[in-house]
Protein backbone atom coordinates (compact mmCIF):
# COMPACT_ATOMS: atom_id res chain seq x y z
CA MET A 1 43.68 128.30 97.10
CA SER A 2 44.48 125.76 99.84
CA LYS A 3 43.01 122.98 97.67
CA GLU A 4 45.38 123.97 94.88
CA ARG A 5 48.39 123.93 97.24
CA ALA A 6 47.38 120.54 98.62
CA ARG A 7 47.08 119.16 95.08
CA ARG A 8 50.52 120.50 94.09
CA ARG A 9 52.05 119.17 97.29
CA ALA A 10 50.52 115.74 96.62
CA GLU A 11 51.95 115.83 93.09
CA ARG A 12 55.41 116.76 94.43
CA GLU A 13 55.27 113.99 97.01
CA ALA A 14 54.14 111.47 94.39
CA GLU A 15 56.97 112.56 92.08
CA ARG A 16 59.44 112.31 94.96
CA GLU A 17 58.22 108.77 95.75
CA ARG A 18 58.55 107.75 92.08
CA ALA A 19 62.08 109.17 91.97
CA ALA A 20 63.02 107.34 95.18
CA ARG A 21 61.60 104.07 93.79
CA ARG A 22 63.55 104.51 90.52
CA ASN A 23 66.70 105.25 92.50
CA GLU A 24 66.25 102.13 94.65
CA GLU A 25 65.67 99.97 91.56
CA ARG A 26 68.74 101.42 89.87
CA GLN A 27 70.87 100.83 92.97
CA SER A 28 69.62 97.25 93.37
CA ARG A 29 70.39 96.51 89.70
CA ALA A 30 73.85 98.01 90.12
CA SER A 31 74.52 95.96 93.27
CA ARG A 32 73.37 92.75 91.53
CA ARG A 33 75.61 93.58 88.56
CA ARG A 34 78.59 94.23 90.89
CA ALA A 35 77.94 90.96 92.74
CA LEU A 36 77.81 89.04 89.45
CA ALA A 37 80.99 90.71 88.22
CA ALA A 38 82.71 89.87 91.52
CA ARG A 39 81.72 86.21 91.16
CA LEU A 40 82.86 86.01 87.53
CA THR A 41 86.19 87.78 87.80
CA PRO A 42 89.08 85.60 88.94
CA ARG A 43 90.72 86.32 92.26
CA PRO A 44 94.11 88.01 92.01
CA VAL A 45 97.10 85.73 92.35
CA ARG A 46 99.68 86.63 94.92
CA ILE A 47 102.82 87.79 93.12
CA ALA A 48 104.98 88.74 96.07
CA ARG A 49 106.93 85.92 97.63
CA GLN A 50 106.75 84.93 101.26
CA GLY A 51 109.28 86.67 103.46
CA GLY A 52 109.37 84.59 106.61
CA LEU A 53 112.33 82.70 108.00
CA LEU A 54 111.07 79.30 106.83
CA ALA A 55 110.39 80.59 103.32
CA ARG A 56 113.85 82.13 103.10
CA ARG A 57 115.43 78.92 104.35
CA ARG A 58 113.46 76.90 101.77
CA ARG A 59 114.59 79.24 98.96
CA VAL A 60 118.24 78.90 100.01
CA GLN A 61 117.93 75.11 100.16
CA ASN A 62 116.29 74.99 96.73
CA THR A 63 119.06 77.17 95.32
CA VAL A 64 121.72 74.89 96.80
CA VAL A 65 120.00 71.82 95.34
CA ALA A 66 119.69 73.44 91.90
CA ILE A 67 123.35 74.50 91.86
CA ALA A 68 124.49 71.04 92.98
CA PHE A 69 122.31 69.41 90.29
CA ALA A 70 123.74 71.66 87.57
CA LEU A 71 127.30 71.14 88.86
CA VAL A 72 126.91 67.34 88.73
CA GLN A 73 125.59 67.56 85.18
CA VAL A 74 128.46 69.78 84.05
CA VAL A 75 131.10 67.55 85.72
CA VAL A 76 129.67 64.41 84.10
CA TRP A 77 129.51 66.10 80.72
CA VAL A 78 133.07 67.43 80.97
CA VAL A 79 134.69 64.30 82.41
CA TRP A 80 133.01 61.61 80.31
CA GLY A 81 131.56 63.58 77.39
CA SER A 82 129.52 60.62 76.17
CA PRO A 83 125.86 61.42 75.45
CA ALA A 84 124.78 58.06 76.87
CA VAL A 85 126.65 58.64 80.16
CA SER A 86 125.36 62.22 80.36
CA PHE A 87 121.79 61.04 79.79
CA GLY A 88 122.22 58.29 82.40
CA ALA A 89 123.57 60.79 84.92
CA LEU A 90 120.63 63.10 84.19
CA VAL A 91 118.07 60.34 84.78
CA LEU A 92 119.86 59.14 87.92
CA SER A 93 120.10 62.71 89.22
CA LEU A 94 116.42 63.33 88.60
CA LEU A 95 115.57 60.18 90.56
CA LEU A 96 117.94 60.90 93.44
CA VAL A 97 117.30 64.63 93.97
CA PRO A 98 114.04 64.09 95.93
CA VAL A 99 115.72 61.46 98.09
CA VAL A 100 118.71 63.70 98.84
CA VAL A 101 116.45 66.68 99.59
CA THR A 102 114.34 64.59 101.97
CA LEU A 103 117.36 63.20 103.78
CA ALA A 104 119.45 66.38 103.87
CA PHE A 105 116.75 68.95 104.70
CA ASP A 106 114.24 66.74 106.59
CA ARG A 107 111.35 67.56 104.25
CA ARG A 108 108.75 64.94 104.93
CA ILE A 109 105.36 65.21 103.29
């Protein structure tokens, strides 16, 4: 009788070891698959804007520059009305906006 119990216990232990080995293999495959998926999926892009003082100041300055640019274009279009003059003012404005921003807001690269 004790030989029979020892044999059954050995069978249970062997089955338990096989189940543990299968579980470890399954977990290692799953971790490799997760690691591969993490490498292949793109990182999320930050949607929320910065909220600090410098970021707020930069947004206000950019808004002022955009409004001034649009205002200059509208004034030139209303006062002169010529497509050639309007196009010239557009090109000149596009060339001068970075200079004005650098001088007015001290934005050096």
